[in-house]
Amino acid sequence: MTQKNEKSFFQVIVHSFFIIPFFIAIFCILLFSGVHLMTREDKNIYDYLEDVKIGSLSKRWQAAFELSKRLDNPNALAKEDRFAKELMTAFKQSAHDDNRVRQYLALAMGRLKNEKFADILTQALAEEKEENLPALIYALGMLKQKQSAMYLHTYAEEHPNARVRSIAVAALGEIADEKSKFILKKTLNDKEPNVQWVSAISLAGMGDESGKKILLKLLHRDYFINFSEVDQQEQKGLMLKTIEVASQLNDPALKTQLNLLAETDQDMEIRKAAKKFL
């Protein structure tokens, strides 16, 4: 999967199934607490890091949030070794801080795409609070370092929290290590449908059609009638990503369904995507 497509599927998975309950609350606070006043200040990434380290509780997590947002479009300063070292130091010091600080710093590391961050994130997993695991695992998926995959296998297959399992499966798909296929094939049978969906899509993205039956379901709008929690935008995101990976498998049944979507789907973007990949 290209970096350009990172937000299309990986964030759909994350935000649709795992982090929305938490982040909706955060963004409501951001909207009504006047955080826009902070973003108007002429600050650079080092200023935000300093606020994370020594600011008040509310200022620390807001600074961590702003930092992660800024690094979604990294600038020259963010590439400096000094910044990477200071960011890792801030993350280590956040172990007992507000969860939001920890989570946003992890996302900042993931967005920076610096392979040096993979070790510190994997080392933190074992003793991390459960509510912070999705952000750390998500960051590892963005970093795409194959040595990280083995640390995520247990979370994908055995973690009791379905949100954690789902994002671990998505991260394994992003990392795309061939050694993870056996785990992803197991998670095709997870009791949670969304874990099954991500497993099938992740495998298909790696050229494996083991989840073909699930992919066919995701290409039928009627299938989503049984999942009222999946809104129209989330459904569209899942279908678009399924179209992309299904087109790589060269399977007759999948191609037939793609043809049908290209000709008859109610959403013109879905039609366009199906035609593009045929």
C-alpha atoms as a PDB file:
ATOM      1  CA  MET A   1       0.000   0.000   0.000  1.00  0.00           C
ATOM      2  CA  THR A   2       1.402   3.403  -0.893  1.00  0.00           C
ATOM      3  CA  GLN A   3       1.919   6.211   1.581  1.00  0.00           C
ATOM      4  CA  LYS A   4      -0.669   8.211  -0.385  1.00  0.00           C
ATOM      5  CA  ASN A   5      -3.303   5.609   0.428  1.00  0.00           C
ATOM      6  CA  GLU A   6      -2.417   5.458   4.129  1.00  0.00           C
ATOM      7  CA  LYS A   7      -5.417   7.519   5.190  1.00  0.00           C
ATOM      8  CA  SER A   8      -7.899   5.659   3.009  1.00  0.00           C
ATOM      9  CA  PHE A   9      -8.015   2.271   4.645  1.00  0.00           C
ATOM     10  CA  PHE A  10      -5.768   2.188   7.659  1.00  0.00           C
ATOM     11  CA  GLN A  11      -7.431   5.233   9.173  1.00  0.00           C
ATOM     12  CA  VAL A  12     -10.891   3.935   8.221  1.00  0.00           C
ATOM     13  CA  ILE A  13     -10.149   0.803  10.205  1.00  0.00           C
ATOM     14  CA  VAL A  14      -8.705   2.674  13.126  1.00  0.00           C
ATOM     15  CA  HIS A  15     -11.312   5.377  13.360  1.00  0.00           C
ATOM     16  CA  SER A  16     -14.319   3.282  12.382  1.00  0.00           C
ATOM     17  CA  PHE A  17     -13.886   0.479  14.835  1.00  0.00           C
ATOM     18  CA  PHE A  18     -11.395   1.266  17.539  1.00  0.00           C
ATOM     19  CA  ILE A  19     -10.627   4.863  18.369  1.00  0.00           C
ATOM     20  CA  ILE A  20     -13.800   6.746  17.444  1.00  0.00           C
ATOM     21  CA  PRO A  21     -15.405   6.512  20.934  1.00  0.00           C
ATOM     22  CA  PHE A  22     -12.280   8.048  22.434  1.00  0.00           C
ATOM     23  CA  PHE A  23     -11.347  10.533  19.747  1.00  0.00           C
ATOM     24  CA  ILE A  24     -14.867  11.920  19.250  1.00  0.00           C
ATOM     25  CA  ALA A  25     -14.739  13.056  22.841  1.00  0.00           C
ATOM     26  CA  ILE A  26     -11.313  14.575  22.298  1.00  0.00           C
ATOM     27  CA  PHE A  27     -12.312  16.463  19.196  1.00  0.00           C
ATOM     28  CA  CYS A  28     -15.418  17.809  20.906  1.00  0.00           C
ATOM     29  CA  ILE A  29     -13.175  19.128  23.654  1.00  0.00           C
ATOM     30  CA  LEU A  30     -10.846  20.579  21.058  1.00  0.00           C
ATOM     31  CA  LEU A  31     -13.720  22.278  19.317  1.00  0.00           C
ATOM     32  CA  PHE A  32     -15.240  23.906  22.379  1.00  0.00           C
ATOM     33  CA  SER A  33     -12.227  24.477  24.628  1.00  0.00           C
ATOM     34  CA  GLY A  34     -10.611  27.126  22.467  1.00  0.00           C
ATOM     35  CA  VAL A  35      -7.639  25.048  21.379  1.00  0.00           C
ATOM     36  CA  HIS A  36      -7.701  27.032  18.168  1.00  0.00           C
ATOM     37  CA  LEU A  37      -6.065  29.829  20.111  1.00  0.00           C
ATOM     38  CA  MET A  38      -3.038  27.642  20.594  1.00  0.00           C
ATOM     39  CA  THR A  39      -2.819  26.683  16.931  1.00  0.00           C
ATOM     40  CA  ARG A  40      -2.796  30.329  15.971  1.00  0.00           C
ATOM     41  CA  GLU A  41       0.443  30.894  17.823  1.00  0.00           C
ATOM     42  CA  ASP A  42       3.601  30.952  15.745  1.00  0.00           C
ATOM     43  CA  LYS A  43       5.119  27.799  17.219  1.00  0.00           C
ATOM     44  CA  ASN A  44       7.433  25.230  15.709  1.00  0.00           C
ATOM     45  CA  ILE A  45       7.668  21.541  16.530  1.00  0.00           C
ATOM     46  CA  TYR A  46      10.318  22.115  19.201  1.00  0.00           C
ATOM     47  CA  ASP A  47       8.013  24.564  20.962  1.00  0.00           C
ATOM     48  CA  TYR A  48       5.268  21.942  21.077  1.00  0.00           C
ATOM     49  CA  LEU A  49       7.687  19.359  22.427  1.00  0.00           C
ATOM     50  CA  GLU A  50       8.677  21.767  25.170  1.00  0.00           C
ATOM     51  CA  ASP A  51       5.005  22.245  26.065  1.00  0.00           C
ATOM     52  CA  VAL A  52       4.617  18.466  26.224  1.00  0.00           C
ATOM     53  CA  LYS A  53       7.519  18.246  28.666  1.00  0.00           C
ATOM     54  CA  ILE A  54       6.796  21.140  31.055  1.00  0.00           C
ATOM     55  CA  GLY A  55       3.300  22.414  30.355  1.00  0.00           C
ATOM     56  CA  SER A  56       0.185  21.982  32.481  1.00  0.00           C
ATOM     57  CA  LEU A  57      -1.922  18.842  32.032  1.00  0.00           C
ATOM     58  CA  SER A  58      -4.271  20.398  29.490  1.00  0.00           C
ATOM     59  CA  LYS A  59      -1.407  22.091  27.675  1.00  0.00           C
ATOM     60  CA  ARG A  60       0.632  18.875  27.456  1.00  0.00           C
ATOM     61  CA  TRP A  61      -1.958  16.788  25.687  1.00  0.00           C
ATOM     62  CA  GLN A  62      -3.035  19.659  23.440  1.00  0.00           C
ATOM     63  CA  ALA A  63       0.606  20.229  22.462  1.00  0.00           C
ATOM     64  CA  ALA A  64       1.015  16.494  21.760  1.00  0.00           C
ATOM     65  CA  PHE A  65      -2.098  16.596  19.598  1.00  0.00           C
ATOM     66  CA  GLU A  66      -0.888  19.634  17.671  1.00  0.00           C
ATOM     67  CA  LEU A  67       2.516  18.037  17.212  1.00  0.00           C
ATOM     68  CA  SER A  68       1.021  14.849  15.766  1.00  0.00           C
ATOM     69  CA  LYS A  69      -1.105  16.968  13.440  1.00  0.00           C
ATOM     70  CA  ARG A  70       1.879  19.007  12.269  1.00  0.00           C
ATOM     71  CA  LEU A  71       3.866  15.852  11.510  1.00  0.00           C
ATOM     72  CA  ASP A  72       1.158  14.594   9.207  1.00  0.00           C
ATOM     73  CA  ASN A  73       2.985  16.869   6.749  1.00  0.00           C
ATOM     74  CA  PRO A  74       6.573  16.666   8.054  1.00  0.00           C
ATOM     75  CA  ASN A  75       8.777  19.711   7.590  1.00  0.00           C
ATOM     76  CA  ALA A  76      12.550  19.939   7.368  1.00  0.00           C
ATOM     77  CA  LEU A  77      13.016  20.370  11.126  1.00  0.00           C
ATOM     78  CA  ALA A  78      11.201  17.102  11.811  1.00  0.00           C
ATOM     79  CA  LYS A  79      13.894  15.233   9.875  1.00  0.00           C
ATOM     80  CA  GLU A  80      16.646  16.328  12.241  1.00  0.00           C
ATOM     81  CA  ASP A  81      18.256  13.711  14.487  1.00  0.00           C
ATOM     82  CA  ARG A  82      17.917  16.138  17.381  1.00  0.00           C
ATOM     83  CA  PHE A  83      14.149  16.241  16.986  1.00  0.00           C
ATOM     84  CA  ALA A  84      13.894  12.442  16.781  1.00  0.00           C
ATOM     85  CA  LYS A  85      15.889  12.079  20.004  1.00  0.00           C
ATOM     86  CA  GLU A  86      13.798  14.674  21.828  1.00  0.00           C
ATOM     87  CA  LEU A  87      10.576  13.067  20.639  1.00  0.00           C
ATOM     88  CA  MET A  88      11.721   9.657  21.916  1.00  0.00           C
ATOM     89  CA  THR A  89      12.690  11.218  25.246  1.00  0.00           C
ATOM     90  CA  ALA A  90       9.281  12.866  25.543  1.00  0.00           C
ATOM     91  CA  PHE A  91       7.575   9.555  24.777  1.00  0.00           C
ATOM     92  CA  LYS A  92       9.579   7.716  27.436  1.00  0.00           C
ATOM     93  CA  GLN A  93       8.732  10.397  29.986  1.00  0.00           C
ATOM     94  CA  SER A  94       5.029  10.125  29.140  1.00  0.00           C
ATOM     95  CA  ALA A  95       4.730   6.578  30.537  1.00  0.00           C
ATOM     96  CA  HIS A  96       2.739   7.798  33.538  1.00  0.00           C
ATOM     97  CA  ASP A  97       1.265  10.928  31.978  1.00  0.00           C
ATOM     98  CA  ASP A  98      -2.227  11.544  30.670  1.00  0.00           C
ATOM     99  CA  ASN A  99      -3.114   8.827  28.158  1.00  0.00           C
ATOM    100  CA  ARG A 100      -3.740  11.418  25.472  1.00  0.00           C
ATOM    101  CA  VAL A 101      -0.152  12.637  25.668  1.00  0.00           C
ATOM    102  CA  ARG A 102       1.117   9.103  25.215  1.00  0.00           C
ATOM    103  CA  GLN A 103      -1.191   8.350  22.322  1.00  0.00           C
ATOM    104  CA  TYR A 104      -0.528  11.518  20.354  1.00  0.00           C
ATOM    105  CA  LEU A 105       3.238  11.197  20.766  1.00  0.00           C
ATOM    106  CA  ALA A 106       3.035   7.650  19.415  1.00  0.00           C
ATOM    107  CA  LEU A 107       1.044   8.883  16.423  1.00  0.00           C
ATOM    108  CA  ALA A 108       3.603  11.648  15.908  1.00  0.00           C
ATOM    109  CA  MET A 109       6.359   9.037  15.704  1.00  0.00           C
ATOM    110  CA  GLY A 110       4.386   6.958  13.254  1.00  0.00           C
ATOM    111  CA  ARG A 111       3.727   9.909  10.994  1.00  0.00           C
ATOM    112  CA  LEU A 112       7.371  10.899  10.949  1.00  0.00           C
ATOM    113  CA  LYS A 113       8.242   7.547   9.309  1.00  0.00           C
ATOM    114  CA  ASN A 114      11.580   7.313  11.115  1.00  0.00           C
ATOM    115  CA  GLU A 115      12.561   3.655  11.529  1.00  0.00           C
ATOM    116  CA  LYS A 116      14.366   4.504  14.783  1.00  0.00           C
ATOM    117  CA  PHE A 117      10.993   4.810  16.496  1.00  0.00           C
ATOM    118  CA  ALA A 118      10.038   1.169  15.903  1.00  0.00           C
ATOM    119  CA  ASP A 119      12.196  -0.185  18.730  1.00  0.00           C
ATOM    120  CA  ILE A 120      10.938   2.207  21.389  1.00  0.00           C
ATOM    121  CA  LEU A 121       7.327   1.512  20.446  1.00  0.00           C
ATOM    122  CA  THR A 122       7.701  -2.268  20.430  1.00  0.00           C
ATOM    123  CA  GLN A 123       9.526  -2.176  23.761  1.00  0.00           C
ATOM    124  CA  ALA A 124       6.671  -0.172  25.246  1.00  0.00           C
ATOM    125  CA  LEU A 125       3.940  -2.612  24.155  1.00  0.00           C
ATOM    126  CA  ALA A 126       4.414  -5.225  26.885  1.00  0.00           C
ATOM    127  CA  GLU A 127       3.696  -2.884  29.802  1.00  0.00           C
ATOM    128  CA  GLU A 128       1.427  -0.406  28.008  1.00  0.00           C
ATOM    129  CA  LYS A 129      -2.053   0.467  29.268  1.00  0.00           C
ATOM    130  CA  GLU A 130      -4.705  -1.242  27.197  1.00  0.00           C
ATOM    131  CA  GLU A 131      -6.315   2.047  26.191  1.00  0.00           C
ATOM    132  CA  ASN A 132      -3.022   3.207  24.679  1.00  0.00           C
ATOM    133  CA  LEU A 133      -2.282   0.063  22.690  1.00  0.00           C
ATOM    134  CA  PRO A 134      -4.271   1.056  19.570  1.00  0.00           C
ATOM    135  CA  ALA A 135      -2.223   4.236  19.112  1.00  0.00           C
ATOM    136  CA  LEU A 136       1.116   2.452  19.564  1.00  0.00           C
ATOM    137  CA  ILE A 137       0.164  -0.401  17.254  1.00  0.00           C
ATOM    138  CA  TYR A 138      -1.218   2.035  14.697  1.00  0.00           C
ATOM    139  CA  ALA A 139       2.093   3.925  14.778  1.00  0.00           C
ATOM    140  CA  LEU A 140       4.017   0.693  14.191  1.00  0.00           C
ATOM    141  CA  GLY A 141       1.826   0.018  11.178  1.00  0.00           C
ATOM    142  CA  MET A 142       2.678   3.425   9.761  1.00  0.00           C
ATOM    143  CA  LEU A 143       6.390   2.806  10.297  1.00  0.00           C
ATOM    144  CA  LYS A 144       6.162  -0.460   8.285  1.00  0.00           C
ATOM    145  CA  GLN A 145       9.283  -2.020   9.827  1.00  0.00           C
ATOM    146  CA  LYS A 146       9.214  -5.783   9.275  1.00  0.00           C
ATOM    147  CA  GLN A 147      11.025  -6.507  12.541  1.00  0.00           C
ATOM    148  CA  SER A 148       7.989  -5.083  14.358  1.00  0.00           C
ATOM    149  CA  ALA A 149       5.571  -7.655  12.930  1.00  0.00           C
ATOM    150  CA  MET A 150       6.463 -10.482  15.322  1.00  0.00           C
ATOM    151  CA  TYR A 151       5.617  -8.273  18.304  1.00  0.00           C
ATOM    152  CA  LEU A 152       2.099  -7.783  16.975  1.00  0.00           C
ATOM    153  CA  HIS A 153       1.198 -11.425  16.347  1.00  0.00           C
ATOM    154  CA  THR A 154      -0.032 -12.081  19.877  1.00  0.00           C
ATOM    155  CA  TYR A 155      -2.114  -8.897  19.898  1.00  0.00           C
ATOM    156  CA  ALA A 156      -3.726  -9.839  16.595  1.00  0.00           C
ATOM    157  CA  GLU A 157      -4.588 -13.393  17.555  1.00  0.00           C
ATOM    158  CA  GLU A 158      -5.038 -13.512  21.307  1.00  0.00           C
ATOM    159  CA  HIS A 159      -5.754 -10.123  22.834  1.00  0.00           C
ATOM    160  CA  PRO A 160      -9.158 -10.136  24.597  1.00  0.00           C
ATOM    161  CA  ASN A 161     -10.029  -6.664  23.311  1.00  0.00           C
ATOM    162  CA  ALA A 162     -11.440  -6.811  19.772  1.00  0.00           C
ATOM    163  CA  ARG A 163     -10.358  -3.232  19.097  1.00  0.00           C
ATOM    164  CA  VAL A 164      -6.758  -4.151  19.795  1.00  0.00           C
ATOM    165  CA  ARG A 165      -6.970  -7.326  17.691  1.00  0.00           C
ATOM    166  CA  SER A 166      -8.421  -5.407  14.768  1.00  0.00           C
ATOM    167  CA  ILE A 167      -5.824  -2.687  14.694  1.00  0.00           C
ATOM    168  CA  ALA A 168      -3.035  -5.228  15.142  1.00  0.00           C
ATOM    169  CA  VAL A 169      -4.313  -7.111  12.098  1.00  0.00           C
ATOM    170  CA  ALA A 170      -4.471  -3.845  10.143  1.00  0.00           C
ATOM    171  CA  ALA A 171      -0.918  -2.981  11.201  1.00  0.00           C
ATOM    172  CA  LEU A 172       0.316  -6.404  10.067  1.00  0.00           C
ATOM    173  CA  GLY A 173      -1.258  -5.725   6.695  1.00  0.00           C
ATOM    174  CA  GLU A 174       0.570  -2.403   6.498  1.00  0.00           C
ATOM    175  CA  ILE A 175       3.891  -3.977   7.447  1.00  0.00           C
ATOM    176  CA  ALA A 176       3.259  -6.801   4.951  1.00  0.00           C
ATOM    177  CA  ASP A 177       5.760  -9.292   6.337  1.00  0.00           C
ATOM    178  CA  GLU A 178       5.303 -12.689   4.681  1.00  0.00           C
ATOM    179  CA  LYS A 179       5.831 -14.381   8.058  1.00  0.00           C
ATOM    180  CA  SER A 180       2.609 -12.798   9.316  1.00  0.00           C
ATOM    181  CA  LYS A 181       0.374 -14.557   6.804  1.00  0.00           C
ATOM    182  CA  PHE A 182      -0.197 -17.557   9.053  1.00  0.00           C
ATOM    183  CA  ILE A 183      -1.512 -15.259  11.787  1.00  0.00           C
ATOM    184  CA  LEU A 184      -3.760 -13.362   9.377  1.00  0.00           C
ATOM    185  CA  LYS A 185      -5.204 -16.633   8.111  1.00  0.00           C
ATOM    186  CA  LYS A 186      -6.095 -17.550  11.685  1.00  0.00           C
ATOM    187  CA  THR A 187      -7.748 -14.206  12.327  1.00  0.00           C
ATOM    188  CA  LEU A 188     -10.013 -14.744   9.324  1.00  0.00           C
ATOM    189  CA  ASN A 189     -12.011 -16.856  11.789  1.00  0.00           C
ATOM    190  CA  ASP A 190     -12.064 -14.298  14.606  1.00  0.00           C
ATOM    191  CA  LYS A 191     -15.424 -14.004  16.351  1.00  0.00           C
ATOM    192  CA  GLU A 192     -15.561 -10.290  15.539  1.00  0.00           C
ATOM    193  CA  PRO A 193     -16.588  -9.520  11.919  1.00  0.00           C
ATOM    194  CA  ASN A 194     -14.423  -6.409  11.665  1.00  0.00           C
ATOM    195  CA  VAL A 195     -11.334  -8.466  12.539  1.00  0.00           C
ATOM    196  CA  GLN A 196     -12.277 -10.885   9.774  1.00  0.00           C
ATOM    197  CA  TRP A 197     -12.700  -8.017   7.300  1.00  0.00           C
ATOM    198  CA  VAL A 198      -9.324  -6.476   8.032  1.00  0.00           C
ATOM    199  CA  SER A 199      -7.650  -9.894   7.913  1.00  0.00           C
ATOM    200  CA  ALA A 200      -9.055 -10.620   4.452  1.00  0.00           C
ATOM    201  CA  ILE A 201      -8.076  -7.189   3.146  1.00  0.00           C
ATOM    202  CA  SER A 202      -4.605  -7.403   4.668  1.00  0.00           C
ATOM    203  CA  LEU A 203      -3.988 -10.815   3.129  1.00  0.00           C
ATOM    204  CA  ALA A 204      -5.252  -9.697  -0.268  1.00  0.00           C
ATOM    205  CA  GLY A 205      -2.930  -6.716  -0.119  1.00  0.00           C
ATOM    206  CA  MET A 206      -0.117  -9.238   0.279  1.00  0.00           C
ATOM    207  CA  GLY A 207      -1.321 -11.238  -2.729  1.00  0.00           C
ATOM    208  CA  ASP A 208      -3.060 -13.978  -0.720  1.00  0.00           C
ATOM    209  CA  GLU A 209      -6.659 -14.890  -1.567  1.00  0.00           C
ATOM    210  CA  SER A 210      -7.392 -16.878   1.604  1.00  0.00           C
ATOM    211  CA  GLY A 211     -10.023 -14.308   2.563  1.00  0.00           C
ATOM    212  CA  LYS A 212     -11.769 -14.351  -0.818  1.00  0.00           C
ATOM    213  CA  LYS A 213     -15.203 -15.250   0.601  1.00  0.00           C
ATOM    214  CA  ILE A 214     -15.040 -12.343   2.994  1.00  0.00           C
ATOM    215  CA  LEU A 215     -13.921  -9.957   0.245  1.00  0.00           C
ATOM    216  CA  LEU A 216     -16.932 -10.969  -1.848  1.00  0.00           C
ATOM    217  CA  LYS A 217     -19.216 -10.121   1.064  1.00  0.00           C
ATOM    218  CA  LEU A 218     -17.603  -6.703   1.444  1.00  0.00           C
ATOM    219  CA  LEU A 219     -18.294  -5.992  -2.233  1.00  0.00           C
ATOM    220  CA  HIS A 220     -22.049  -6.465  -1.715  1.00  0.00           C
ATOM    221  CA  ARG A 221     -23.898  -3.539  -0.160  1.00  0.00           C
ATOM    222  CA  ASP A 222     -26.647  -5.808   1.176  1.00  0.00           C
ATOM    223  CA  TYR A 223     -24.098  -7.450   3.455  1.00  0.00           C
ATOM    224  CA  PHE A 224     -23.755  -4.278   5.534  1.00  0.00           C
ATOM    225  CA  ILE A 225     -27.455  -4.238   6.408  1.00  0.00           C
ATOM    226  CA  ASN A 226     -26.563  -6.538   9.285  1.00  0.00           C
ATOM    227  CA  PHE A 227     -24.095  -4.014  10.709  1.00  0.00           C
ATOM    228  CA  SER A 228     -25.948  -0.876  11.712  1.00  0.00           C
ATOM    229  CA  GLU A 229     -22.849   0.465  13.477  1.00  0.00           C
ATOM    230  CA  VAL A 230     -21.056   0.786  10.131  1.00  0.00           C
ATOM    231  CA  ASP A 231     -22.220   4.099   8.669  1.00  0.00           C
ATOM    232  CA  GLN A 232     -22.261   5.011   4.985  1.00  0.00           C
ATOM    233  CA  GLN A 233     -18.832   6.637   4.990  1.00  0.00           C
ATOM    234  CA  GLU A 234     -17.224   3.681   6.745  1.00  0.00           C
ATOM    235  CA  GLN A 235     -18.937   1.272   4.382  1.00  0.00           C
ATOM    236  CA  LYS A 236     -17.634   3.244   1.429  1.00  0.00           C
ATOM    237  CA  GLY A 237     -14.095   3.209   2.812  1.00  0.00           C
ATOM    238  CA  LEU A 238     -14.205  -0.548   3.271  1.00  0.00           C
ATOM    239  CA  MET A 239     -15.587  -1.093  -0.210  1.00  0.00           C
ATOM    240  CA  LEU A 240     -12.991   1.150  -1.846  1.00  0.00           C
ATOM    241  CA  LYS A 241     -10.144  -0.662  -0.162  1.00  0.00           C
ATOM    242  CA  THR A 242     -11.675  -4.051  -0.945  1.00  0.00           C
ATOM    243  CA  ILE A 243     -11.959  -3.040  -4.601  1.00  0.00           C
ATOM    244  CA  GLU A 244      -8.287  -2.079  -4.625  1.00  0.00           C
ATOM    245  CA  VAL A 245      -6.995  -5.326  -3.124  1.00  0.00           C
ATOM    246  CA  ALA A 246      -9.497  -7.573  -4.934  1.00  0.00           C
ATOM    247  CA  SER A 247      -8.255  -6.244  -8.253  1.00  0.00           C
ATOM    248  CA  GLN A 248      -4.780  -7.556  -7.421  1.00  0.00           C
ATOM    249  CA  LEU A 249      -5.911 -11.162  -7.031  1.00  0.00           C
ATOM    250  CA  ASN A 250      -7.087 -11.830 -10.604  1.00  0.00           C
ATOM    251  CA  ASP A 251      -9.943 -13.995  -9.324  1.00  0.00           C
ATOM    252  CA  PRO A 252     -12.942 -14.569 -11.672  1.00  0.00           C
ATOM    253  CA  ALA A 253     -15.610 -14.262  -8.966  1.00  0.00           C
ATOM    254  CA  LEU A 254     -14.119 -11.059  -7.634  1.00  0.00           C
ATOM    255  CA  LYS A 255     -13.789  -9.634 -11.147  1.00  0.00           C
ATOM    256  CA  THR A 256     -17.438 -10.409 -11.838  1.00  0.00           C
ATOM    257  CA  GLN A 257     -18.489  -8.459  -8.767  1.00  0.00           C
ATOM    258  CA  LEU A 258     -16.180  -5.585  -9.660  1.00  0.00           C
ATOM    259  CA  ASN A 259     -17.813  -5.421 -13.075  1.00  0.00           C
ATOM    260  CA  LEU A 260     -21.226  -5.285 -11.443  1.00  0.00           C
ATOM    261  CA  LEU A 261     -20.159  -2.460  -9.147  1.00  0.00           C
ATOM    262  CA  ALA A 262     -18.626  -0.574 -12.067  1.00  0.00           C
ATOM    263  CA  GLU A 263     -21.934  -0.650 -13.916  1.00  0.00           C
ATOM    264  CA  THR A 264     -24.617  -0.451 -11.242  1.00  0.00           C
ATOM    265  CA  ASP A 265     -23.403   0.860  -7.887  1.00  0.00           C
ATOM    266  CA  GLN A 266     -25.258   3.860  -6.495  1.00  0.00           C
ATOM    267  CA  ASP A 267     -22.023   5.673  -5.584  1.00  0.00           C
ATOM    268  CA  MET A 268     -20.130   7.163  -8.516  1.00  0.00           C
ATOM    269  CA  GLU A 269     -16.820   6.989  -6.651  1.00  0.00           C
ATOM    270  CA  ILE A 270     -17.321   3.256  -6.139  1.00  0.00           C
ATOM    271  CA  ARG A 271     -18.111   2.856  -9.822  1.00  0.00           C
ATOM    272  CA  LYS A 272     -15.051   4.843 -10.840  1.00  0.00           C
ATOM    273  CA  ALA A 273     -12.793   2.819  -8.547  1.00  0.00           C
ATOM    274  CA  ALA A 274     -14.149  -0.489  -9.852  1.00  0.00           C
ATOM    275  CA  LYS A 275     -13.622   0.586 -13.460  1.00  0.00           C
ATOM    276  CA  LYS A 276     -10.108   1.813 -12.691  1.00  0.00           C
ATOM    277  CA  PHE A 277      -8.966  -1.508 -11.260  1.00  0.00           C
ATOM    278  CA  LEU A 278     -10.631  -3.765 -13.823  1.00  0.00           C
END
